Amino acid sequence: GSILFGGYLTDRFGGGRVLVVSFVGLTGLL
């Protein structure tokens, strides 16, 4: 489900910003 949302965010804001948010969140949660 998050991938579908990520596709919308990517088209809306660009892949670079989405990548940064994703990996910062991944590191913190891990």
mmCIF file of all heavy atoms, coordinates in Angstrom:
data_MODEL
# 
_entry.id   MODEL 
# 
loop_
_atom_site.group_PDB 
_atom_site.id 
_atom_site.type_symbol 
_atom_site.label_atom_id 
_atom_site.label_alt_id 
_atom_site.label_comp_id 
_atom_site.label_asym_id 
_atom_site.label_entity_id 
_atom_site.label_seq_id 
_atom_site.pdbx_PDB_ins_code 
_atom_site.Cartn_x 
_atom_site.Cartn_y 
_atom_site.Cartn_z 
_atom_site.occupancy 
_atom_site.B_iso_or_equiv 
_atom_site.pdbx_formal_charge 
_atom_site.auth_seq_id 
_atom_site.auth_comp_id 
_atom_site.auth_asym_id 
_atom_site.auth_atom_id 
_atom_site.pdbx_PDB_model_num 
ATOM 1   N N   . GLY A 1 1  ? 0.817  -1.210 0.000   1.00 0.00 ? 1  GLY A N   1 
ATOM 2   C CA  . GLY A 1 1  ? 0.000  0.000  0.000   1.00 0.00 ? 1  GLY A CA  1 
ATOM 3   C C   . GLY A 1 1  ? 0.847  1.255  0.000   1.00 0.00 ? 1  GLY A C   1 
ATOM 4   O O   . GLY A 1 1  ? 0.528  2.246  -0.671  1.00 0.00 ? 1  GLY A O   1 
ATOM 5   N N   . SER A 1 2  ? 1.961  1.211  0.712   1.00 0.00 ? 2  SER A N   1 
ATOM 6   C CA  . SER A 1 2  ? 2.846  2.365  0.776   1.00 0.00 ? 2  SER A CA  1 
ATOM 7   C C   . SER A 1 2  ? 3.486  2.655  -0.572  1.00 0.00 ? 2  SER A C   1 
ATOM 8   O O   . SER A 1 2  ? 3.746  3.816  -0.916  1.00 0.00 ? 2  SER A O   1 
ATOM 9   C CB  . SER A 1 2  ? 3.929  2.112  1.832   1.00 0.00 ? 2  SER A CB  1 
ATOM 10  O OG  . SER A 1 2  ? 4.807  3.204  1.942   1.00 0.00 ? 2  SER A OG  1 
ATOM 11  N N   . ILE A 1 3  ? 3.740  1.601  -1.355  1.00 0.00 ? 3  ILE A N   1 
ATOM 12  C CA  . ILE A 1 3  ? 4.315  1.798  -2.692  1.00 0.00 ? 3  ILE A CA  1 
ATOM 13  C C   . ILE A 1 3  ? 3.370  2.628  -3.560  1.00 0.00 ? 3  ILE A C   1 
ATOM 14  O O   . ILE A 1 3  ? 3.800  3.523  -4.297  1.00 0.00 ? 3  ILE A O   1 
ATOM 15  C CB  . ILE A 1 3  ? 4.622  0.438  -3.339  1.00 0.00 ? 3  ILE A CB  1 
ATOM 16  C CG1 . ILE A 1 3  ? 5.894  -0.155 -2.722  1.00 0.00 ? 3  ILE A CG1 1 
ATOM 17  C CG2 . ILE A 1 3  ? 4.786  0.567  -4.848  1.00 0.00 ? 3  ILE A CG2 1 
ATOM 18  C CD1 . ILE A 1 3  ? 6.183  -1.568 -3.157  1.00 0.00 ? 3  ILE A CD1 1 
ATOM 19  N N   . LEU A 1 4  ? 2.083  2.318  -3.496  1.00 0.00 ? 4  LEU A N   1 
ATOM 20  C CA  . LEU A 1 4  ? 1.121  3.091  -4.277  1.00 0.00 ? 4  LEU A CA  1 
ATOM 21  C C   . LEU A 1 4  ? 1.133  4.553  -3.853  1.00 0.00 ? 4  LEU A C   1 
ATOM 22  O O   . LEU A 1 4  ? 1.090  5.463  -4.692  1.00 0.00 ? 4  LEU A O   1 
ATOM 23  C CB  . LEU A 1 4  ? -0.277 2.501  -4.115  1.00 0.00 ? 4  LEU A CB  1 
ATOM 24  C CG  . LEU A 1 4  ? -0.487 1.094  -4.681  1.00 0.00 ? 4  LEU A CG  1 
ATOM 25  C CD1 . LEU A 1 4  ? -1.903 0.620  -4.413  1.00 0.00 ? 4  LEU A CD1 1 
ATOM 26  C CD2 . LEU A 1 4  ? -0.182 1.058  -6.175  1.00 0.00 ? 4  LEU A CD2 1 
ATOM 27  N N   . PHE A 1 5  ? 1.186  4.798  -2.551  1.00 0.00 ? 5  PHE A N   1 
ATOM 28  C CA  . PHE A 1 5  ? 1.265  6.164  -2.052  1.00 0.00 ? 5  PHE A CA  1 
ATOM 29  C C   . PHE A 1 5  ? 2.575  6.810  -2.484  1.00 0.00 ? 5  PHE A C   1 
ATOM 30  O O   . PHE A 1 5  ? 2.624  7.995  -2.848  1.00 0.00 ? 5  PHE A O   1 
ATOM 31  C CB  . PHE A 1 5  ? 1.130  6.168  -0.532  1.00 0.00 ? 5  PHE A CB  1 
ATOM 32  C CG  . PHE A 1 5  ? 1.089  7.546  0.080   1.00 0.00 ? 5  PHE A CG  1 
ATOM 33  C CD1 . PHE A 1 5  ? 0.183  8.494  -0.372  1.00 0.00 ? 5  PHE A CD1 1 
ATOM 34  C CD2 . PHE A 1 5  ? 1.948  7.879  1.115   1.00 0.00 ? 5  PHE A CD2 1 
ATOM 35  C CE1 . PHE A 1 5  ? 0.150  9.771  0.189   1.00 0.00 ? 5  PHE A CE1 1 
ATOM 36  C CE2 . PHE A 1 5  ? 1.913  9.139  1.692   1.00 0.00 ? 5  PHE A CE2 1 
ATOM 37  C CZ  . PHE A 1 5  ? 1.011  10.085 1.223   1.00 0.00 ? 5  PHE A CZ  1 
ATOM 38  N N   . GLY A 1 6  ? 3.659  6.012  -2.456  1.00 0.00 ? 6  GLY A N   1 
ATOM 39  C CA  . GLY A 1 6  ? 4.950  6.517  -2.896  1.00 0.00 ? 6  GLY A CA  1 
ATOM 40  C C   . GLY A 1 6  ? 4.948  6.907  -4.359  1.00 0.00 ? 6  GLY A C   1 
ATOM 41  O O   . GLY A 1 6  ? 5.619  7.861  -4.758  1.00 0.00 ? 6  GLY A O   1 
ATOM 42  N N   . GLY A 1 7  ? 4.177  6.176  -5.191  1.00 0.00 ? 7  GLY A N   1 
ATOM 43  C CA  . GLY A 1 7  ? 4.064  6.540  -6.595  1.00 0.00 ? 7  GLY A CA  1 
ATOM 44  C C   . GLY A 1 7  ? 3.398  7.891  -6.770  1.00 0.00 ? 7  GLY A C   1 
ATOM 45  O O   . GLY A 1 7  ? 3.832  8.720  -7.585  1.00 0.00 ? 7  GLY A O   1 
ATOM 46  N N   . TYR A 1 8  ? 2.340  8.137  -5.982  1.00 0.00 ? 8  TYR A N   1 
ATOM 47  C CA  . TYR A 1 8  ? 1.673  9.443  -6.029  1.00 0.00 ? 8  TYR A CA  1 
ATOM 48  C C   . TYR A 1 8  ? 2.631  10.544 -5.581  1.00 0.00 ? 8  TYR A C   1 
ATOM 49  O O   . TYR A 1 8  ? 2.742  11.590 -6.226  1.00 0.00 ? 8  TYR A O   1 
ATOM 50  C CB  . TYR A 1 8  ? 0.433  9.427  -5.136  1.00 0.00 ? 8  TYR A CB  1 
ATOM 51  C CG  . TYR A 1 8  ? -0.100 10.815 -4.840  1.00 0.00 ? 8  TYR A CG  1 
ATOM 52  C CD1 . TYR A 1 8  ? -0.827 11.519 -5.792  1.00 0.00 ? 8  TYR A CD1 1 
ATOM 53  C CD2 . TYR A 1 8  ? 0.162  11.423 -3.607  1.00 0.00 ? 8  TYR A CD2 1 
ATOM 54  C CE1 . TYR A 1 8  ? -1.288 12.806 -5.534  1.00 0.00 ? 8  TYR A CE1 1 
ATOM 55  C CE2 . TYR A 1 8  ? -0.291 12.703 -3.334  1.00 0.00 ? 8  TYR A CE2 1 
ATOM 56  C CZ  . TYR A 1 8  ? -1.018 13.387 -4.297  1.00 0.00 ? 8  TYR A CZ  1 
ATOM 57  O OH  . TYR A 1 8  ? -1.464 14.655 -4.036  1.00 0.00 ? 8  TYR A OH  1 
ATOM 58  N N   . LEU A 1 9  ? 3.347  10.306 -4.464  1.00 0.00 ? 9  LEU A N   1 
ATOM 59  C CA  . LEU A 1 9  ? 4.279  11.317 -3.961  1.00 0.00 ? 9  LEU A CA  1 
ATOM 60  C C   . LEU A 1 9  ? 5.404  11.583 -4.958  1.00 0.00 ? 9  LEU A C   1 
ATOM 61  O O   . LEU A 1 9  ? 5.843  12.723 -5.129  1.00 0.00 ? 9  LEU A O   1 
ATOM 62  C CB  . LEU A 1 9  ? 4.871  10.856 -2.628  1.00 0.00 ? 9  LEU A CB  1 
ATOM 63  C CG  . LEU A 1 9  ? 3.919  10.767 -1.438  1.00 0.00 ? 9  LEU A CG  1 
ATOM 64  C CD1 . LEU A 1 9  ? 4.651  10.235 -0.213  1.00 0.00 ? 9  LEU A CD1 1 
ATOM 65  C CD2 . LEU A 1 9  ? 3.287  12.127 -1.126  1.00 0.00 ? 9  LEU A CD2 1 
ATOM 66  N N   . THR A 1 10 ? 5.858  10.520 -5.632  1.00 0.00 ? 10 THR A N   1 
ATOM 67  C CA  . THR A 1 10 ? 6.930  10.672 -6.616  1.00 0.00 ? 10 THR A CA  1 
ATOM 68  C C   . THR A 1 10 ? 6.487  11.543 -7.780  1.00 0.00 ? 10 THR A C   1 
ATOM 69  O O   . THR A 1 10 ? 7.217  12.445 -8.219  1.00 0.00 ? 10 THR A O   1 
ATOM 70  C CB  . THR A 1 10 ? 7.384  9.296  -7.119  1.00 0.00 ? 10 THR A CB  1 
ATOM 71  O OG1 . THR A 1 10 ? 7.942  8.546  -6.026  1.00 0.00 ? 10 THR A OG1 1 
ATOM 72  C CG2 . THR A 1 10 ? 8.428  9.420  -8.223  1.00 0.00 ? 10 THR A CG2 1 
ATOM 73  N N   . ASP A 1 11 ? 5.285  11.295 -8.309  1.00 0.00 ? 11 ASP A N   1 
ATOM 74  C CA  . ASP A 1 11 ? 4.769  12.122 -9.404  1.00 0.00 ? 11 ASP A CA  1 
ATOM 75  C C   . ASP A 1 11 ? 4.498  13.553 -8.940  1.00 0.00 ? 11 ASP A C   1 
ATOM 76  O O   . ASP A 1 11 ? 4.612  14.499 -9.723  1.00 0.00 ? 11 ASP A O   1 
ATOM 77  C CB  . ASP A 1 11 ? 3.487  11.513 -9.976  1.00 0.00 ? 11 ASP A CB  1 
ATOM 78  C CG  . ASP A 1 11 ? 3.765  10.326 -10.895 1.00 0.00 ? 11 ASP A CG  1 
ATOM 79  O OD1 . ASP A 1 11 ? 4.893  10.238 -11.417 1.00 0.00 ? 11 ASP A OD1 1 
ATOM 80  O OD2 . ASP A 1 11 ? 2.865  9.487  -11.082 1.00 0.00 ? 11 ASP A OD2 1 
ATOM 81  N N   . ARG A 1 12 ? 4.144  13.709 -7.672  1.00 0.00 ? 12 ARG A N   1 
ATOM 82  C CA  . ARG A 1 12 ? 3.754  15.023 -7.160  1.00 0.00 ? 12 ARG A CA  1 
ATOM 83  C C   . ARG A 1 12 ? 4.960  15.858 -6.741  1.00 0.00 ? 12 ARG A C   1 
ATOM 84  O O   . ARG A 1 12 ? 5.029  17.052 -7.038  1.00 0.00 ? 12 ARG A O   1 
ATOM 85  C CB  . ARG A 1 12 ? 2.818  14.825 -5.958  1.00 0.00 ? 12 ARG A CB  1 
ATOM 86  C CG  . ARG A 1 12 ? 2.337  16.092 -5.284  1.00 0.00 ? 12 ARG A CG  1 
ATOM 87  C CD  . ARG A 1 12 ? 1.359  16.876 -6.164  1.00 0.00 ? 12 ARG A CD  1 
ATOM 88  N NE  . ARG A 1 12 ? 0.818  18.027 -5.471  1.00 0.00 ? 12 ARG A NE  1 
ATOM 89  C CZ  . ARG A 1 12 ? 1.453  19.193 -5.348  1.00 0.00 ? 12 ARG A CZ  1 
ATOM 90  N NH1 . ARG A 1 12 ? 2.663  19.348 -5.865  1.00 0.00 ? 12 ARG A NH1 1 
ATOM 91  N NH2 . ARG A 1 12 ? 0.882  20.196 -4.707  1.00 0.00 ? 12 ARG A NH2 1 
ATOM 92  N N   . PHE A 1 13 ? 5.932  15.232 -6.041  1.00 0.00 ? 13 PHE A N   1 
ATOM 93  C CA  . PHE A 1 13 ? 7.032  15.999 -5.455  1.00 0.00 ? 13 PHE A CA  1 
ATOM 94  C C   . PHE A 1 13 ? 8.407  15.654 -6.023  1.00 0.00 ? 13 PHE A C   1 
ATOM 95  O O   . PHE A 1 13 ? 9.381  16.347 -5.736  1.00 0.00 ? 13 PHE A O   1 
ATOM 96  C CB  . PHE A 1 13 ? 7.068  15.798 -3.932  1.00 0.00 ? 13 PHE A CB  1 
ATOM 97  C CG  . PHE A 1 13 ? 5.815  16.253 -3.231  1.00 0.00 ? 13 PHE A CG  1 
ATOM 98  C CD1 . PHE A 1 13 ? 4.901  15.330 -2.756  1.00 0.00 ? 13 PHE A CD1 1 
ATOM 99  C CD2 . PHE A 1 13 ? 5.546  17.596 -3.073  1.00 0.00 ? 13 PHE A CD2 1 
ATOM 100 C CE1 . PHE A 1 13 ? 3.740  15.739 -2.111  1.00 0.00 ? 13 PHE A CE1 1 
ATOM 101 C CE2 . PHE A 1 13 ? 4.395  18.025 -2.425  1.00 0.00 ? 13 PHE A CE2 1 
ATOM 102 C CZ  . PHE A 1 13 ? 3.481  17.092 -1.949  1.00 0.00 ? 13 PHE A CZ  1 
ATOM 103 N N   . GLY A 1 14 ? 8.508  14.586 -6.798  1.00 0.00 ? 14 GLY A N   1 
ATOM 104 C CA  . GLY A 1 14 ? 9.800  14.181 -7.345  1.00 0.00 ? 14 GLY A CA  1 
ATOM 105 C C   . GLY A 1 14 ? 10.437 13.086 -6.510  1.00 0.00 ? 14 GLY A C   1 
ATOM 106 O O   . GLY A 1 14 ? 10.275 13.020 -5.279  1.00 0.00 ? 14 GLY A O   1 
ATOM 107 N N   . GLY A 1 15 ? 11.185 12.219 -7.204  1.00 0.00 ? 15 GLY A N   1 
ATOM 108 C CA  . GLY A 1 15 ? 11.761 11.049 -6.540  1.00 0.00 ? 15 GLY A CA  1 
ATOM 109 C C   . GLY A 1 15 ? 12.800 11.371 -5.491  1.00 0.00 ? 15 GLY A C   1 
ATOM 110 O O   . GLY A 1 15 ? 12.927 10.660 -4.493  1.00 0.00 ? 15 GLY A O   1 
ATOM 111 N N   . GLY A 1 16 ? 13.562 12.444 -5.680  1.00 0.00 ? 16 GLY A N   1 
ATOM 112 C CA  . GLY A 1 16 ? 14.631 12.761 -4.743  1.00 0.00 ? 16 GLY A CA  1 
ATOM 113 C C   . GLY A 1 16 ? 14.134 12.996 -3.328  1.00 0.00 ? 16 GLY A C   1 
ATOM 114 O O   . GLY A 1 16 ? 14.659 12.432 -2.363  1.00 0.00 ? 16 GLY A O   1 
ATOM 115 N N   . ARG A 1 17 ? 13.114 13.817 -3.190  1.00 0.00 ? 17 ARG A N   1 
ATOM 116 C CA  . ARG A 1 17 ? 12.582 14.116 -1.853  1.00 0.00 ? 17 ARG A CA  1 
ATOM 117 C C   . ARG A 1 17 ? 12.000 12.869 -1.196  1.00 0.00 ? 17 ARG A C   1 
ATOM 118 O O   . ARG A 1 17 ? 12.168 12.646 0.011   1.00 0.00 ? 17 ARG A O   1 
ATOM 119 C CB  . ARG A 1 17 ? 11.509 15.192 -1.953  1.00 0.00 ? 17 ARG A CB  1 
ATOM 120 C CG  . ARG A 1 17 ? 12.028 16.556 -2.414  1.00 0.00 ? 17 ARG A CG  1 
ATOM 121 C CD  . ARG A 1 17 ? 10.898 17.555 -2.551  1.00 0.00 ? 17 ARG A CD  1 
ATOM 122 N NE  . ARG A 1 17 ? 11.356 18.848 -3.038  1.00 0.00 ? 17 ARG A NE  1 
ATOM 123 C CZ  . ARG A 1 17 ? 10.556 19.873 -3.287  1.00 0.00 ? 17 ARG A CZ  1 
ATOM 124 N NH1 . ARG A 1 17 ? 9.258  19.756 -3.103  1.00 0.00 ? 17 ARG A NH1 1 
ATOM 125 N NH2 . ARG A 1 17 ? 11.066 21.011 -3.735  1.00 0.00 ? 17 ARG A NH2 1 
ATOM 126 N N   . VAL A 1 18 ? 11.309 12.058 -1.989  1.00 0.00 ? 18 VAL A N   1 
ATOM 127 C CA  . VAL A 1 18 ? 10.693 10.847 -1.437  1.00 0.00 ? 18 VAL A CA  1 
ATOM 128 C C   . VAL A 1 18 ? 11.768 9.885  -0.953  1.00 0.00 ? 18 VAL A C   1 
ATOM 129 O O   . VAL A 1 18 ? 11.632 9.253  0.110   1.00 0.00 ? 18 VAL A O   1 
ATOM 130 C CB  . VAL A 1 18 ? 9.784  10.176 -2.484  1.00 0.00 ? 18 VAL A CB  1 
ATOM 131 C CG1 . VAL A 1 18 ? 9.225  8.860  -1.947  1.00 0.00 ? 18 VAL A CG1 1 
ATOM 132 C CG2 . VAL A 1 18 ? 8.646  11.113 -2.877  1.00 0.00 ? 18 VAL A CG2 1 
ATOM 133 N N   . LEU A 1 19 ? 12.863 9.756  -1.702  1.00 0.00 ? 19 LEU A N   1 
ATOM 134 C CA  . LEU A 1 19 ? 13.964 8.877  -1.282  1.00 0.00 ? 19 LEU A CA  1 
ATOM 135 C C   . LEU A 1 19 ? 14.535 9.310  0.068   1.00 0.00 ? 19 LEU A C   1 
ATOM 136 O O   . LEU A 1 19 ? 14.776 8.473  0.944   1.00 0.00 ? 19 LEU A O   1 
ATOM 137 C CB  . LEU A 1 19 ? 15.065 8.878  -2.338  1.00 0.00 ? 19 LEU A CB  1 
ATOM 138 C CG  . LEU A 1 19 ? 14.839 8.039  -3.592  1.00 0.00 ? 19 LEU A CG  1 
ATOM 139 C CD1 . LEU A 1 19 ? 15.939 8.305  -4.609  1.00 0.00 ? 19 LEU A CD1 1 
ATOM 140 C CD2 . LEU A 1 19 ? 14.780 6.563  -3.253  1.00 0.00 ? 19 LEU A CD2 1 
ATOM 141 N N   . VAL A 1 20 ? 14.743 10.599 0.234   1.00 0.00 ? 20 VAL A N   1 
ATOM 142 C CA  . VAL A 1 20 ? 15.318 11.096 1.490   1.00 0.00 ? 20 VAL A CA  1 
ATOM 143 C C   . VAL A 1 20 ? 14.395 10.783 2.659   1.00 0.00 ? 20 VAL A C   1 
ATOM 144 O O   . VAL A 1 20 ? 14.832 10.259 3.699   1.00 0.00 ? 20 VAL A O   1 
ATOM 145 C CB  . VAL A 1 20 ? 15.592 12.607 1.396   1.00 0.00 ? 20 VAL A CB  1 
ATOM 146 C CG1 . VAL A 1 20 ? 15.985 13.163 2.766   1.00 0.00 ? 20 VAL A CG1 1 
ATOM 147 C CG2 . VAL A 1 20 ? 16.688 12.892 0.377   1.00 0.00 ? 20 VAL A CG2 1 
ATOM 148 N N   . VAL A 1 21 ? 13.125 11.086 2.526   1.00 0.00 ? 21 VAL A N   1 
ATOM 149 C CA  . VAL A 1 21 ? 12.167 10.822 3.605   1.00 0.00 ? 21 VAL A CA  1 
ATOM 150 C C   . VAL A 1 21 ? 12.122 9.329  3.933   1.00 0.00 ? 21 VAL A C   1 
ATOM 151 O O   . VAL A 1 21 ? 12.113 8.937  5.108   1.00 0.00 ? 21 VAL A O   1 
ATOM 152 C CB  . VAL A 1 21 ? 10.762 11.322 3.203   1.00 0.00 ? 21 VAL A CB  1 
ATOM 153 C CG1 . VAL A 1 21 ? 9.711  10.837 4.197   1.00 0.00 ? 21 VAL A CG1 1 
ATOM 154 C CG2 . VAL A 1 21 ? 10.747 12.844 3.120   1.00 0.00 ? 21 VAL A CG2 1 
ATOM 155 N N   . SER A 1 22 ? 12.124 8.498  2.906   1.00 0.00 ? 22 SER A N   1 
ATOM 156 C CA  . SER A 1 22 ? 12.033 7.054  3.111   1.00 0.00 ? 22 SER A CA  1 
ATOM 157 C C   . SER A 1 22 ? 13.230 6.530  3.898   1.00 0.00 ? 22 SER A C   1 
ATOM 158 O O   . SER A 1 22 ? 13.067 5.781  4.871   1.00 0.00 ? 22 SER A O   1 
ATOM 159 C CB  . SER A 1 22 ? 11.933 6.343  1.762   1.00 0.00 ? 22 SER A CB  1 
ATOM 160 O OG  . SER A 1 22 ? 11.943 4.935  1.929   1.00 0.00 ? 22 SER A OG  1 
ATOM 161 N N   . PHE A 1 23 ? 14.435 6.920  3.500   1.00 0.00 ? 23 PHE A N   1 
ATOM 162 C CA  . PHE A 1 23 ? 15.612 6.342  4.141   1.00 0.00 ? 23 PHE A CA  1 
ATOM 163 C C   . PHE A 1 23 ? 15.871 6.915  5.530   1.00 0.00 ? 23 PHE A C   1 
ATOM 164 O O   . PHE A 1 23 ? 16.396 6.212  6.403   1.00 0.00 ? 23 PHE A O   1 
ATOM 165 C CB  . PHE A 1 23 ? 16.833 6.501  3.236   1.00 0.00 ? 23 PHE A CB  1 
ATOM 166 C CG  . PHE A 1 23 ? 16.786 5.612  2.022   1.00 0.00 ? 23 PHE A CG  1 
ATOM 167 C CD1 . PHE A 1 23 ? 16.952 6.132  0.765   1.00 0.00 ? 23 PHE A CD1 1 
ATOM 168 C CD2 . PHE A 1 23 ? 16.536 4.257  2.154   1.00 0.00 ? 23 PHE A CD2 1 
ATOM 169 C CE1 . PHE A 1 23 ? 16.892 5.315  -0.359  1.00 0.00 ? 23 PHE A CE1 1 
ATOM 170 C CE2 . PHE A 1 23 ? 16.476 3.431  1.050   1.00 0.00 ? 23 PHE A CE2 1 
ATOM 171 C CZ  . PHE A 1 23 ? 16.650 3.949  -0.204  1.00 0.00 ? 23 PHE A CZ  1 
ATOM 172 N N   . VAL A 1 24 ? 15.510 8.170  5.749   1.00 0.00 ? 24 VAL A N   1 
ATOM 173 C CA  . VAL A 1 24 ? 15.604 8.714  7.113   1.00 0.00 ? 24 VAL A CA  1 
ATOM 174 C C   . VAL A 1 24 ? 14.654 7.950  8.036   1.00 0.00 ? 24 VAL A C   1 
ATOM 175 O O   . VAL A 1 24 ? 15.017 7.566  9.157   1.00 0.00 ? 24 VAL A O   1 
ATOM 176 C CB  . VAL A 1 24 ? 15.284 10.219 7.115   1.00 0.00 ? 24 VAL A CB  1 
ATOM 177 C CG1 . VAL A 1 24 ? 15.092 10.720 8.552   1.00 0.00 ? 24 VAL A CG1 1 
ATOM 178 C CG2 . VAL A 1 24 ? 16.411 11.009 6.445   1.00 0.00 ? 24 VAL A CG2 1 
ATOM 179 N N   . GLY A 1 25 ? 13.428 7.714  7.567   1.00 0.00 ? 25 GLY A N   1 
ATOM 180 C CA  . GLY A 1 25 ? 12.468 6.957  8.370   1.00 0.00 ? 25 GLY A CA  1 
ATOM 181 C C   . GLY A 1 25 ? 12.906 5.529  8.613   1.00 0.00 ? 25 GLY A C   1 
ATOM 182 O O   . GLY A 1 25 ? 12.757 4.992  9.724   1.00 0.00 ? 25 GLY A O   1 
ATOM 183 N N   . LEU A 1 26 ? 13.456 4.886  7.582   1.00 0.00 ? 26 LEU A N   1 
ATOM 184 C CA  . LEU A 1 26 ? 13.939 3.512  7.725   1.00 0.00 ? 26 LEU A CA  1 
ATOM 185 C C   . LEU A 1 26 ? 15.012 3.415  8.803   1.00 0.00 ? 26 LEU A C   1 
ATOM 186 O O   . LEU A 1 26 ? 14.976 2.522  9.665   1.00 0.00 ? 26 LEU A O   1 
ATOM 187 C CB  . LEU A 1 26 ? 14.498 3.025  6.376   1.00 0.00 ? 26 LEU A CB  1 
ATOM 188 C CG  . LEU A 1 26 ? 15.249 1.689  6.399   1.00 0.00 ? 26 LEU A CG  1 
ATOM 189 C CD1 . LEU A 1 26 ? 14.303 0.551  6.736   1.00 0.00 ? 26 LEU A CD1 1 
ATOM 190 C CD2 . LEU A 1 26 ? 15.935 1.444  5.062   1.00 0.00 ? 26 LEU A CD2 1 
ATOM 191 N N   . THR A 1 27 ? 15.964 4.336  8.781   1.00 0.00 ? 27 THR A N   1 
ATOM 192 C CA  . THR A 1 27 ? 17.058 4.303  9.756   1.00 0.00 ? 27 THR A CA  1 
ATOM 193 C C   . THR A 1 27 ? 16.541 4.482  11.180  1.00 0.00 ? 27 THR A C   1 
ATOM 194 O O   . THR A 1 27 ? 16.927 3.746  12.100  1.00 0.00 ? 27 THR A O   1 
ATOM 195 C CB  . THR A 1 27 ? 18.086 5.401  9.425   1.00 0.00 ? 27 THR A CB  1 
ATOM 196 O OG1 . THR A 1 27 ? 18.563 5.225  8.087   1.00 0.00 ? 27 THR A OG1 1 
ATOM 197 C CG2 . THR A 1 27 ? 19.261 5.347  10.386  1.00 0.00 ? 27 THR A CG2 1 
ATOM 198 N N   . GLY A 1 28 ? 15.656 5.454  11.367  1.00 0.00 ? 28 GLY A N   1 
ATOM 199 C CA  . GLY A 1 28 ? 15.126 5.695  12.708  1.00 0.00 ? 28 GLY A CA  1 
ATOM 200 C C   . GLY A 1 28 ? 14.334 4.517  13.258  1.00 0.00 ? 28 GLY A C   1 
ATOM 201 O O   . GLY A 1 28 ? 14.507 4.116  14.416  1.00 0.00 ? 28 GLY A O   1 
ATOM 202 N N   . LEU A 1 29 ? 13.471 3.936  12.438  1.00 0.00 ? 29 LEU A N   1 
ATOM 203 C CA  . LEU A 1 29 ? 12.655 2.811  12.888  1.00 0.00 ? 29 LEU A CA  1 
ATOM 204 C C   . LEU A 1 29 ? 13.494 1.573  13.149  1.00 0.00 ? 29 LEU A C   1 
ATOM 205 O O   . LEU A 1 29 ? 13.243 0.828  14.110  1.00 0.00 ? 29 LEU A O   1 
ATOM 206 C CB  . LEU A 1 29 ? 11.569 2.507  11.853  1.00 0.00 ? 29 LEU A CB  1 
ATOM 207 C CG  . LEU A 1 29 ? 10.428 3.513  11.787  1.00 0.00 ? 29 LEU A CG  1 
ATOM 208 C CD1 . LEU A 1 29 ? 9.556  3.257  10.560  1.00 0.00 ? 29 LEU A CD1 1 
ATOM 209 C CD2 . LEU A 1 29 ? 9.581  3.446  13.051  1.00 0.00 ? 29 LEU A CD2 1 
ATOM 210 N N   . LEU A 1 30 ? 14.506 1.338  12.318  1.00 0.00 ? 30 LEU A N   1 
ATOM 211 C CA  . LEU A 1 30 ? 15.378 0.182  12.552  1.00 0.00 ? 30 LEU A CA  1 
ATOM 212 C C   . LEU A 1 30 ? 16.121 0.311  13.882  1.00 0.00 ? 30 LEU A C   1 
ATOM 213 O O   . LEU A 1 30 ? 16.279 -0.669 14.623  1.00 0.00 ? 30 LEU A O   1 
ATOM 214 C CB  . LEU A 1 30 ? 16.385 0.057  11.410  1.00 0.00 ? 30 LEU A CB  1 
ATOM 215 C CG  . LEU A 1 30 ? 16.023 -0.890 10.267  1.00 0.00 ? 30 LEU A CG  1 
ATOM 216 C CD1 . LEU A 1 30 ? 17.072 -0.817 9.165   1.00 0.00 ? 30 LEU A CD1 1 
ATOM 217 C CD2 . LEU A 1 30 ? 15.879 -2.309 10.771  1.00 0.00 ? 30 LEU A CD2 1 
# 
